[in-house]
Amino acid sequence: MFRFVLSVPLFFSIFGAGAGFAQQTSSSSQTQAPAAFPSAPATQSAAGTAPVPGPVADAEAAIVKSDWKTAEATLDTWLSAHPNDARALFDAGYVADAQDRLEAAAALYRRAVTANPKSFEAQLSLGLLLAREGKLAEARPELAAATTLDPGAAGPALKARAWRALAQIDRPRPGSPGDPAEASNDLLEALKLSPETEDDTLLAANLAEETGQNDAAEAAYRRVLAEDSESEPGNAGLAHLLILKKQYPEAETLLRNALDKEPGDPALTAQLALVLAEQNKPEALPLVEKLHDAHPDDPSITRMLAELLSESGDYAGSDSLYTKLLAANPKDPDLLLDHGENLVRELKFADAFTVFNQVTEIAPANPNGWSGLAFTASKTGQPSIALHALTMRSKYLPENPSTYFLWAVSYDTLHQKAEAALYYHRFLDSAGGKFPDQEWQARQRLQVLAK
C-alpha cells in the first residue's frame, strides 16, 4: 500500500488582487467608468438631489483613464477643504487601492464609511481589501455590513460578491475548521443575486466534501466538468474523491485525459502518480522523478518521491530525501517514522532506535513510534525498553503476531521463563503458519524453557 495521502487544495479566485473590487467585477475596458462608483452614494442617489462637485467629477474622469496622479492631486485638494465628503473619500481610497497603497486605502475607505455609513461601495471595498491582506477576522464584519446595504447603481452582482467573499472566509481552511453551514448559507445568498459560476460550484463541492457529503461533492465536480472538461480544479477535485473511494482505474482515466489538455500540471501529475502507485504500476516512479526534477523544492512532491523510492527498495535514495525534509521540519513525527523505517531496512538498528525514541518523545500517542522503538530495542539488546515500548503501544493498538513475538523474545532475554512461554504460545496461536522462521524459533525456545 502506498502510504502517501495527497490532499489537493482547490484554489479559487477569492478576493481578487490589485486594485479595488470594481476592476475585478467589471469586464469593461479602462475607458469606461469603474463599476465601483457609477453614481453618487446610495443615500444621495436615492434622493436625486446631490450633484457631484466639479473637482470630484474631474477626479473620477481621471480615474476612468487610470490617471492616478491627476486624480490623487485633485482629490487631495478637495478633501483638504471637505474632509467628510464620503464620495471623495471613497474615490481617494480607490486611487490608493489601485496603486497598492493598501494601508492608505483602508484608512480612506474607513473614513468614507464613517462619513456615510450607508455607502455600499466603501463598505464592500474595505471588506475586500482586508480580506486580500489576509485579515479575515477584520474583513468579515465589514463584508457582513455590506450585505445589509442598498447597492444602488452598483447593482446586485456586487452585493453577491460580498456574500461570496463571506463564503470564502467562513469555509474551512488549513488550521481553521471554519463554518461549512454558514459558508453554504453565504453562497446561497450570493446565488439569489447572480447566476452560479464555476467557482460557486467548486466551492459547493468543497464544502460538501468538508462535511463528508462525498456524493454531493462528486455530483458538483461532475457538473463543473460537464460545462468545462478542462477545469483543473474540477478534475483535481473529482480525482481526489475517486482516490478516496479507491476507484483508481476511473481516476487514472480522468487524470490522463486532463493531463492531455494540461500537460505538466503538477497537482494533476502528482495525483496520477499516486493512482499509479496504488495500482502498483511501475511508471509511477519515473513520473514522480520527473515531477521532482521540475519542482525540487516542493515538500509534497519530495515526500512522494521518497516513499516511492522506499517502496522500490532504494532505501538510501529515499532516506536522502527524508533527511532533506527533516532539515526543514526536524520534529515532524511522520517524517521521522519514515526515516526510521528506512534505517531499519538498511539494518541500521541503533540509528533507527534513536529516531523512534525521538518520535515517542514528540508524539507519545503515536503507536507506530512505540512499535518501532520496541523492534529496534529488541534488535539492539535492550529488552527492558522493548517491553516498556510494547506496553505503551498496547494502549493504542491491539496485539498481533509480531508484537507477541517481541514480548516473548524480550522476556526470554531477561530470563523470565513463564512470561516468555506465555507469549511464545500466544504468538504460535496467532501466527497461523505465516511466519515459519519465527514459528520454528518459538517452538525450539518452548522446548528449552520447558526443561
Protein backbone atom coordinates (compact mmCIF):
# COMPACT_ATOMS: atom_id res chain seq x y z
CA MET A 1 0.00 0.00 0.00
CA PHE A 2 1.31 3.41 -0.97
CA ARG A 3 1.03 5.38 2.25
CA PHE A 4 1.37 8.92 0.95
CA VAL A 5 -2.01 10.63 1.01
CA LEU A 6 -2.19 13.52 -1.41
CA SER A 7 -4.52 16.31 -0.48
CA VAL A 8 -5.03 18.61 -3.43
CA PRO A 9 -6.20 22.07 -2.38
CA LEU A 10 -8.77 23.79 -4.55
CA PHE A 11 -7.71 27.29 -5.40
CA PHE A 12 -10.39 29.84 -6.06
CA SER A 13 -10.21 33.46 -7.08
CA ILE A 14 -11.46 34.55 -3.70
CA PHE A 15 -10.98 38.21 -3.16
CA GLY A 16 -9.27 39.39 -6.31
CA ALA A 17 -5.96 41.19 -6.41
CA GLY A 18 -4.59 44.56 -7.29
CA ALA A 19 -6.98 47.48 -7.24
CA GLY A 20 -10.45 47.69 -5.82
CA PHE A 21 -13.31 45.32 -6.42
CA ALA A 22 -14.56 47.37 -9.34
CA GLN A 23 -11.73 46.24 -11.58
CA GLN A 24 -12.32 42.63 -10.58
CA THR A 25 -16.02 42.58 -11.36
CA SER A 26 -16.18 44.73 -14.45
CA SER A 27 -15.33 43.25 -17.84
CA SER A 28 -15.41 46.68 -19.44
CA SER A 29 -12.27 48.40 -20.64
CA GLN A 30 -10.47 51.01 -18.59
CA THR A 31 -12.01 53.75 -20.70
CA GLN A 32 -15.38 53.09 -19.08
CA ALA A 33 -16.38 54.30 -15.64
CA PRO A 34 -15.35 51.89 -12.87
CA ALA A 35 -18.28 49.93 -11.54
CA ALA A 36 -17.42 51.00 -8.01
CA PHE A 37 -18.86 54.46 -8.39
CA PRO A 38 -21.34 54.68 -11.25
CA SER A 39 -23.35 57.28 -9.36
CA ALA A 40 -23.44 59.16 -6.09
CA PRO A 41 -23.51 57.16 -2.84
CA ALA A 42 -26.77 55.32 -2.23
CA THR A 43 -28.38 57.83 0.11
CA GLN A 44 -27.63 60.69 -2.26
CA SER A 45 -28.60 58.96 -5.48
CA ALA A 46 -31.89 57.82 -3.97
CA ALA A 47 -32.80 61.41 -3.22
CA GLY A 48 -31.52 62.53 -6.59
CA THR A 49 -30.71 65.97 -5.20
CA ALA A 50 -26.96 65.90 -4.58
CA PRO A 51 -24.96 66.80 -7.69
CA VAL A 52 -21.35 65.62 -7.91
CA PRO A 53 -18.99 68.54 -7.19
CA GLY A 54 -16.90 69.58 -10.17
CA PRO A 55 -13.48 68.64 -8.69
CA VAL A 56 -14.76 65.18 -7.68
CA ALA A 57 -16.19 64.66 -11.17
CA ASP A 58 -12.83 65.70 -12.63
CA ALA A 59 -11.04 63.22 -10.37
CA GLU A 60 -13.39 60.43 -11.44
CA ALA A 61 -12.76 61.27 -15.09
CA ALA A 62 -9.04 60.88 -14.38
CA ILE A 63 -9.70 57.55 -12.64
CA VAL A 64 -11.50 56.29 -15.74
CA LYS A 65 -8.26 56.94 -17.65
CA SER A 66 -6.16 55.36 -14.87
CA ASP A 67 -4.51 58.75 -14.42
CA TRP A 68 -3.88 58.16 -10.74
CA LYS A 69 -1.54 61.12 -10.28
CA THR A 70 -4.10 63.66 -11.53
CA ALA A 71 -6.95 62.01 -9.61
CA GLU A 72 -4.97 61.90 -6.39
CA ALA A 73 -3.87 65.54 -6.59
CA THR A 74 -7.42 66.71 -7.35
CA LEU A 75 -8.92 64.68 -4.52
CA ASP A 76 -6.27 65.74 -2.01
CA THR A 77 -7.06 69.40 -2.74
CA TRP A 78 -10.79 68.82 -2.46
CA LEU A 79 -10.56 66.77 0.73
CA SER A 80 -8.38 69.34 2.45
CA ALA A 81 -11.41 71.63 2.37
CA HIS A 82 -14.12 68.94 2.51
CA PRO A 83 -12.70 66.18 4.79
CA ASN A 84 -16.05 64.45 5.29
CA ASP A 85 -17.09 64.11 1.66
CA ALA A 86 -17.90 60.38 1.59
CA ARG A 87 -17.79 60.08 -2.17
CA ALA A 88 -14.44 61.85 -2.48
CA LEU A 89 -13.04 59.75 0.37
CA PHE A 90 -14.11 56.57 -1.39
CA ASP A 91 -12.60 57.77 -4.67
CA ALA A 92 -9.33 58.58 -2.88
CA GLY A 93 -9.35 55.13 -1.31
CA TYR A 94 -9.91 53.58 -4.72
CA VAL A 95 -6.95 55.51 -6.15
CA ALA A 96 -4.70 54.35 -3.29
CA ASP A 97 -6.01 50.79 -3.69
CA ALA A 98 -5.24 50.84 -7.41
CA GLN A 99 -1.65 51.79 -6.62
CA ASP A 100 -1.29 49.06 -3.95
CA ARG A 101 -1.04 51.60 -1.14
CA LEU A 102 -3.28 49.35 0.91
CA GLU A 103 -2.84 50.91 4.34
CA ALA A 104 -3.77 54.33 3.00
CA ALA A 105 -6.66 52.83 1.02
CA ALA A 106 -8.08 51.09 4.09
CA ALA A 107 -7.88 54.30 6.12
CA LEU A 108 -9.70 56.26 3.39
CA TYR A 109 -12.37 53.58 3.00
CA ARG A 110 -12.93 53.66 6.77
CA ARG A 111 -13.30 57.43 6.69
CA ALA A 112 -15.80 57.10 3.84
CA VAL A 113 -17.84 54.58 5.85
CA THR A 114 -17.77 56.87 8.87
CA ALA A 115 -18.87 59.83 6.75
CA ASN A 116 -21.66 57.81 5.14
CA PRO A 117 -22.50 54.51 6.91
CA LYS A 118 -24.83 53.63 4.02
CA SER A 119 -22.09 53.77 1.38
CA PHE A 120 -22.19 50.24 -0.03
CA GLU A 121 -19.17 50.82 -2.27
CA ALA A 122 -16.91 51.95 0.58
CA GLN A 123 -18.10 49.22 2.94
CA LEU A 124 -17.57 46.46 0.37
CA SER A 125 -14.22 47.79 -0.79
CA LEU A 126 -12.95 47.94 2.78
CA GLY A 127 -14.01 44.35 3.44
CA LEU A 128 -12.47 43.04 0.23
CA LEU A 129 -9.21 44.89 0.84
CA LEU A 130 -8.88 43.46 4.35
CA ALA A 131 -9.65 40.00 3.01
CA ARG A 132 -6.98 40.31 0.31
CA GLU A 133 -4.49 41.18 3.04
CA GLY A 134 -5.46 38.04 4.94
CA LYS A 135 -7.11 39.97 7.78
CA LEU A 136 -10.17 37.74 7.67
CA ALA A 137 -11.37 38.45 11.21
CA GLU A 138 -11.43 42.17 10.41
CA ALA A 139 -12.86 41.68 6.94
CA ARG A 140 -15.85 39.60 7.96
CA PRO A 141 -17.87 42.26 9.86
CA GLU A 142 -17.20 44.81 7.10
CA LEU A 143 -18.45 42.42 4.41
CA ALA A 144 -21.42 41.38 6.54
CA ALA A 145 -22.32 45.04 6.91
CA ALA A 146 -22.09 45.49 3.14
CA THR A 147 -24.70 42.75 2.62
CA THR A 148 -27.21 44.81 4.61
CA LEU A 149 -26.81 47.93 2.46
CA ASP A 150 -28.54 49.03 -0.72
CA PRO A 151 -26.01 48.67 -3.56
CA GLY A 152 -27.84 51.29 -5.59
CA ALA A 153 -26.47 51.67 -9.09
CA ALA A 154 -23.58 49.34 -8.21
CA GLY A 155 -26.09 46.56 -8.70
CA PRO A 156 -26.88 43.21 -7.11
CA ALA A 157 -23.87 41.50 -8.72
CA LEU A 158 -21.51 43.41 -6.45
CA LYS A 159 -23.65 42.64 -3.42
CA ALA A 160 -23.39 38.99 -4.44
CA ARG A 161 -19.63 39.43 -4.37
CA ALA A 162 -19.83 40.41 -0.72
CA TRP A 163 -21.72 37.18 0.00
CA ARG A 164 -19.18 35.15 -1.98
CA ALA A 165 -16.32 36.72 -0.06
CA LEU A 166 -18.08 35.83 3.20
CA ALA A 167 -18.47 32.25 1.98
CA GLN A 168 -14.73 32.05 1.37
CA ILE A 169 -13.99 33.44 4.84
CA ASP A 170 -16.41 31.02 6.52
CA ARG A 171 -15.25 27.90 4.64
CA PRO A 172 -12.82 25.52 6.37
CA ARG A 173 -9.15 26.07 5.58
CA PRO A 174 -5.87 24.64 6.87
CA GLY A 175 -5.61 25.43 10.56
CA SER A 176 -9.24 26.52 10.88
CA PRO A 177 -12.41 24.38 10.93
CA GLY A 178 -14.44 27.29 9.63
CA ASP A 179 -18.22 27.01 9.50
CA PRO A 180 -19.31 24.97 6.45
CA ALA A 181 -23.01 25.53 7.16
CA GLU A 182 -22.55 29.31 7.35
CA ALA A 183 -20.41 29.26 4.21
CA SER A 184 -23.15 27.35 2.39
CA ASN A 185 -25.73 29.92 3.51
CA ASP A 186 -23.46 32.73 2.29
CA LEU A 187 -23.16 31.06 -1.08
CA LEU A 188 -26.92 30.58 -1.36
CA GLU A 189 -27.44 34.29 -0.69
CA ALA A 190 -24.99 35.10 -3.48
CA LEU A 191 -26.87 32.82 -5.87
CA LYS A 192 -30.08 34.67 -5.15
CA LEU A 193 -28.48 37.79 -6.62
CA SER A 194 -26.44 36.46 -9.54
CA PRO A 195 -26.07 33.33 -11.68
CA GLU A 196 -24.00 30.40 -10.44
CA THR A 197 -20.39 30.43 -11.63
CA GLU A 198 -17.86 27.63 -11.90
CA ASP A 199 -16.17 28.90 -8.74
CA ASP A 200 -19.52 28.70 -6.94
CA THR A 201 -19.96 25.07 -7.94
CA LEU A 202 -16.40 24.27 -6.93
CA LEU A 203 -16.92 25.91 -3.56
CA ALA A 204 -20.16 23.98 -3.07
CA ALA A 205 -18.28 20.77 -3.88
CA ASN A 206 -15.51 21.65 -1.45
CA LEU A 207 -17.98 22.44 1.33
CA ALA A 208 -19.83 19.18 0.72
CA GLU A 209 -16.55 17.27 0.89
CA GLU A 210 -15.59 19.04 4.13
CA THR A 211 -18.84 17.86 5.74
CA GLY A 212 -18.48 14.27 4.50
CA GLN A 213 -21.11 14.60 1.76
CA ASN A 214 -18.89 12.98 -0.85
CA ASP A 215 -21.72 12.02 -3.19
CA ALA A 216 -22.92 15.63 -3.33
CA ALA A 217 -19.34 16.81 -3.81
CA GLU A 218 -18.80 14.35 -6.64
CA ALA A 219 -22.01 15.48 -8.34
CA ALA A 220 -20.87 19.11 -8.12
CA TYR A 221 -17.44 18.34 -9.58
CA ARG A 222 -19.10 16.43 -12.42
CA ARG A 223 -21.35 19.45 -13.12
CA VAL A 224 -18.25 21.62 -13.42
CA LEU A 225 -16.62 19.19 -15.83
CA ALA A 226 -19.80 18.89 -17.88
CA GLU A 227 -19.52 22.63 -18.53
CA ASP A 228 -15.72 22.78 -18.75
CA SER A 229 -13.93 19.48 -19.20
CA GLU A 230 -10.55 21.26 -18.90
CA SER A 231 -11.25 22.72 -15.45
CA GLU A 232 -8.11 21.92 -13.42
CA PRO A 233 -9.78 22.28 -10.02
CA GLY A 234 -12.75 20.28 -11.27
CA ASN A 235 -10.56 17.42 -12.48
CA ALA A 236 -8.36 17.55 -9.38
CA GLY A 237 -11.35 17.63 -7.03
CA LEU A 238 -13.13 14.72 -8.71
CA ALA A 239 -9.91 12.72 -8.90
CA HIS A 240 -9.35 13.32 -5.18
CA LEU A 241 -12.78 11.89 -4.37
CA LEU A 242 -12.25 8.90 -6.67
CA ILE A 243 -8.95 8.21 -4.91
CA LEU A 244 -10.66 8.36 -1.52
CA LYS A 245 -13.21 5.85 -2.81
CA LYS A 246 -10.34 3.70 -4.19
CA GLN A 247 -11.78 3.93 -7.70
CA TYR A 248 -8.28 4.02 -9.14
CA PRO A 249 -8.95 2.99 -12.76
CA GLU A 250 -11.59 5.70 -13.20
CA ALA A 251 -9.33 8.24 -11.50
CA GLU A 252 -6.47 7.24 -13.79
CA THR A 253 -8.58 7.71 -16.91
CA LEU A 254 -9.81 11.08 -15.68
CA LEU A 255 -6.32 12.29 -14.85
CA ARG A 256 -4.75 11.09 -18.09
CA ASN A 257 -7.42 12.92 -20.09
CA ALA A 258 -6.92 16.06 -18.00
CA LEU A 259 -3.15 15.93 -18.46
CA ASP A 260 -3.56 15.57 -22.21
CA LYS A 261 -5.07 19.05 -22.09
CA GLU A 262 -2.85 20.43 -19.28
CA PRO A 263 0.49 18.60 -19.73
CA GLY A 264 2.85 19.01 -16.82
CA ASP A 265 0.25 20.31 -14.36
CA PRO A 266 1.92 19.48 -11.01
CA ALA A 267 -1.25 18.78 -8.99
CA LEU A 268 -2.76 16.50 -11.64
CA THR A 269 0.58 14.78 -12.23
CA ALA A 270 1.01 14.12 -8.51
CA GLN A 271 -2.47 12.65 -8.33
CA LEU A 272 -1.79 10.42 -11.34
CA ALA A 273 1.42 9.21 -9.73
CA LEU A 274 -0.49 8.36 -6.55
CA VAL A 275 -3.12 6.44 -8.52
CA LEU A 276 -0.45 4.52 -10.44
CA ALA A 277 1.37 3.70 -7.21
CA GLU A 278 -1.81 2.43 -5.60
CA GLN A 279 -2.21 0.10 -8.58
CA ASN A 280 1.45 -0.98 -8.35
CA LYS A 281 2.18 0.33 -11.83
CA PRO A 282 5.92 0.84 -12.39
CA GLU A 283 5.52 4.10 -14.31
CA ALA A 284 4.65 5.88 -11.06
CA LEU A 285 8.30 6.22 -10.01
CA PRO A 286 9.70 7.80 -13.21
CA LEU A 287 6.67 10.10 -13.34
CA VAL A 288 7.37 11.44 -9.85
CA GLU A 289 11.11 11.64 -10.51
CA LYS A 290 10.38 13.88 -13.49
CA LEU A 291 7.95 15.92 -11.40
CA HIS A 292 10.55 16.29 -8.66
CA ASP A 293 13.16 17.44 -11.17
CA ALA A 294 10.77 20.20 -12.21
CA HIS A 295 9.83 21.11 -8.62
CA PRO A 296 12.81 20.13 -6.41
CA ASP A 297 11.77 22.37 -3.52
CA ASP A 298 8.16 21.20 -3.26
CA PRO A 299 7.98 19.20 0.00
CA SER A 300 4.87 17.24 -1.02
CA ILE A 301 6.48 16.04 -4.23
CA THR A 302 9.76 15.29 -2.45
CA ARG A 303 7.88 13.25 0.13
CA MET A 304 6.02 11.32 -2.53
CA LEU A 305 9.27 10.51 -4.32
CA ALA A 306 10.90 9.43 -1.05
CA GLU A 307 8.11 6.98 -0.35
CA LEU A 308 8.11 5.59 -3.88
CA LEU A 309 11.89 5.07 -3.72
CA SER A 310 11.45 3.24 -0.43
CA GLU A 311 8.70 1.09 -1.90
CA SER A 312 11.01 0.23 -4.80
CA GLY A 313 13.81 -0.81 -2.44
CA ASP A 314 16.08 2.21 -2.85
CA TYR A 315 16.24 2.93 0.87
CA ALA A 316 19.40 5.03 0.70
CA GLY A 317 17.96 7.24 -2.07
CA SER A 318 14.70 7.55 -0.19
CA ASP A 319 16.43 8.42 3.05
CA SER A 320 18.50 11.16 1.46
CA LEU A 321 15.21 12.89 0.62
CA TYR A 322 13.77 12.33 4.10
CA THR A 323 16.95 13.81 5.57
CA LYS A 324 16.42 16.90 3.43
CA LEU A 325 12.80 17.18 4.55
CA LEU A 326 13.76 16.70 8.20
CA ALA A 327 16.28 19.53 7.97
CA ALA A 328 13.33 21.87 7.47
CA ASN A 329 10.96 20.03 9.86
CA PRO A 330 13.12 18.21 12.42
CA LYS A 331 10.20 17.38 14.73
CA ASP A 332 7.73 16.08 12.17
CA PRO A 333 6.81 12.65 13.63
CA ASP A 334 5.63 11.23 10.31
CA LEU A 335 8.89 12.15 8.58
CA LEU A 336 10.84 10.69 11.48
CA LEU A 337 8.86 7.45 11.29
CA ASP A 338 9.57 7.09 7.57
CA HIS A 339 13.23 7.89 8.20
CA GLY A 340 13.36 5.28 10.97
CA GLU A 341 11.75 2.64 8.76
CA ASN A 342 14.37 3.22 6.08
CA LEU A 343 17.13 2.83 8.66
CA VAL A 344 15.61 -0.48 9.76
CA ARG A 345 15.55 -1.71 6.17
CA GLU A 346 19.20 -0.71 5.88
CA LEU A 347 19.82 -2.74 9.09
CA LYS A 348 20.99 0.39 10.91
CA PHE A 349 19.14 -0.60 14.08
CA ALA A 350 21.00 1.64 16.52
CA ASP A 351 20.36 4.74 14.40
CA ALA A 352 16.74 3.70 13.95
CA PHE A 353 16.36 3.22 17.72
CA THR A 354 17.45 6.83 18.27
CA VAL A 355 14.93 8.07 15.70
CA PHE A 356 11.99 6.06 17.08
CA ASN A 357 12.86 7.17 20.61
CA GLN A 358 12.62 10.76 19.37
CA VAL A 359 9.20 10.04 17.86
CA THR A 360 7.88 8.73 21.18
CA GLU A 361 9.05 11.90 22.90
CA ILE A 362 7.48 14.19 20.30
CA ALA A 363 4.27 12.20 19.74
CA PRO A 364 3.73 9.82 22.68
CA ALA A 365 0.23 8.93 21.45
CA ASN A 366 1.54 7.68 18.11
CA PRO A 367 1.58 3.86 18.37
CA ASN A 368 3.87 3.48 15.36
CA GLY A 369 6.65 5.21 17.26
CA TRP A 370 6.32 2.69 20.10
CA SER A 371 6.23 -0.19 17.61
CA GLY A 372 9.46 0.98 16.01
CA LEU A 373 11.07 1.56 19.38
CA ALA A 374 10.11 -1.93 20.59
CA PHE A 375 11.53 -3.60 17.49
CA THR A 376 14.81 -1.65 17.44
CA ALA A 377 15.26 -2.01 21.20
CA SER A 378 14.97 -5.76 20.76
CA LYS A 379 17.45 -5.69 17.88
CA THR A 380 19.96 -3.66 19.92
CA GLY A 381 19.77 -5.85 23.01
CA GLN A 382 17.59 -3.62 25.20
CA PRO A 383 14.75 -5.94 26.26
CA SER A 384 13.52 -3.77 29.15
CA ILE A 385 13.00 -0.82 26.81
CA ALA A 386 11.32 -3.14 24.32
CA LEU A 387 8.85 -4.28 26.98
CA HIS A 388 8.12 -0.68 28.01
CA ALA A 389 7.53 0.27 24.38
CA LEU A 390 5.22 -2.72 23.88
CA THR A 391 3.28 -1.73 27.00
CA MET A 392 2.83 1.81 25.67
CA ARG A 393 1.86 0.57 22.22
CA SER A 394 -0.82 -1.70 23.70
CA LYS A 395 -2.67 1.40 24.93
CA TYR A 396 -3.46 2.35 21.34
CA LEU A 397 -3.40 -0.79 19.20
CA PRO A 398 -4.31 -4.47 19.66
CA GLU A 399 -1.62 -7.12 19.73
CA ASN A 400 -0.61 -9.04 16.63
CA PRO A 401 1.75 -11.96 15.93
CA SER A 402 4.73 -9.61 15.60
CA THR A 403 4.18 -7.95 18.95
CA TYR A 404 3.53 -11.29 20.65
CA PHE A 405 6.88 -12.50 19.35
CA LEU A 406 8.64 -9.34 20.61
CA TRP A 407 7.05 -9.77 24.03
CA ALA A 408 8.25 -13.38 24.13
CA VAL A 409 11.80 -12.66 22.98
CA SER A 410 12.18 -9.75 25.40
CA TYR A 411 11.00 -11.79 28.38
CA ASP A 412 13.18 -14.68 27.21
CA THR A 413 16.24 -12.43 27.08
CA LEU A 414 15.50 -11.29 30.64
CA HIS A 415 15.17 -14.97 31.70
CA GLN A 416 11.55 -14.52 32.74
CA LYS A 417 10.59 -18.03 31.62
CA ALA A 418 6.91 -18.12 32.49
CA GLU A 419 6.14 -14.83 30.72
CA ALA A 420 8.28 -15.82 27.72
CA ALA A 421 6.50 -19.18 27.37
CA LEU A 422 3.09 -17.48 27.64
CA TYR A 423 3.85 -15.09 24.78
CA TYR A 424 5.51 -17.76 22.61
CA HIS A 425 2.24 -19.71 22.85
CA ARG A 426 0.20 -16.61 22.01
CA PHE A 427 2.45 -15.98 19.04
CA LEU A 428 2.05 -19.55 17.75
CA ASP A 429 -1.72 -19.42 18.25
CA SER A 430 -1.98 -16.24 16.14
CA ALA A 431 0.74 -16.86 13.54
CA GLY A 432 -1.10 -19.47 11.52
CA GLY A 433 1.95 -20.56 9.55
CA LYS A 434 2.62 -17.08 8.16
CA PHE A 435 5.96 -16.68 9.96
CA PRO A 436 7.74 -20.04 9.51
CA ASP A 437 11.17 -18.96 10.76
CA GLN A 438 9.85 -17.30 13.90
CA GLU A 439 7.41 -20.15 14.50
CA TRP A 440 10.27 -22.68 14.38
CA GLN A 441 12.26 -20.49 16.79
CA ALA A 442 9.30 -20.23 19.16
CA ARG A 443 8.84 -23.99 19.27
CA GLN A 444 12.53 -24.50 19.91
CA ARG A 445 12.53 -21.98 22.77
CA LEU A 446 9.41 -23.54 24.29
CA GLN A 447 11.20 -26.91 24.41
CA VAL A 448 14.19 -25.29 26.12
CA LEU A 449 12.04 -23.35 28.56
CA ALA A 450 10.10 -26.49 29.49
CA LYS A 451 13.24 -28.24 30.77
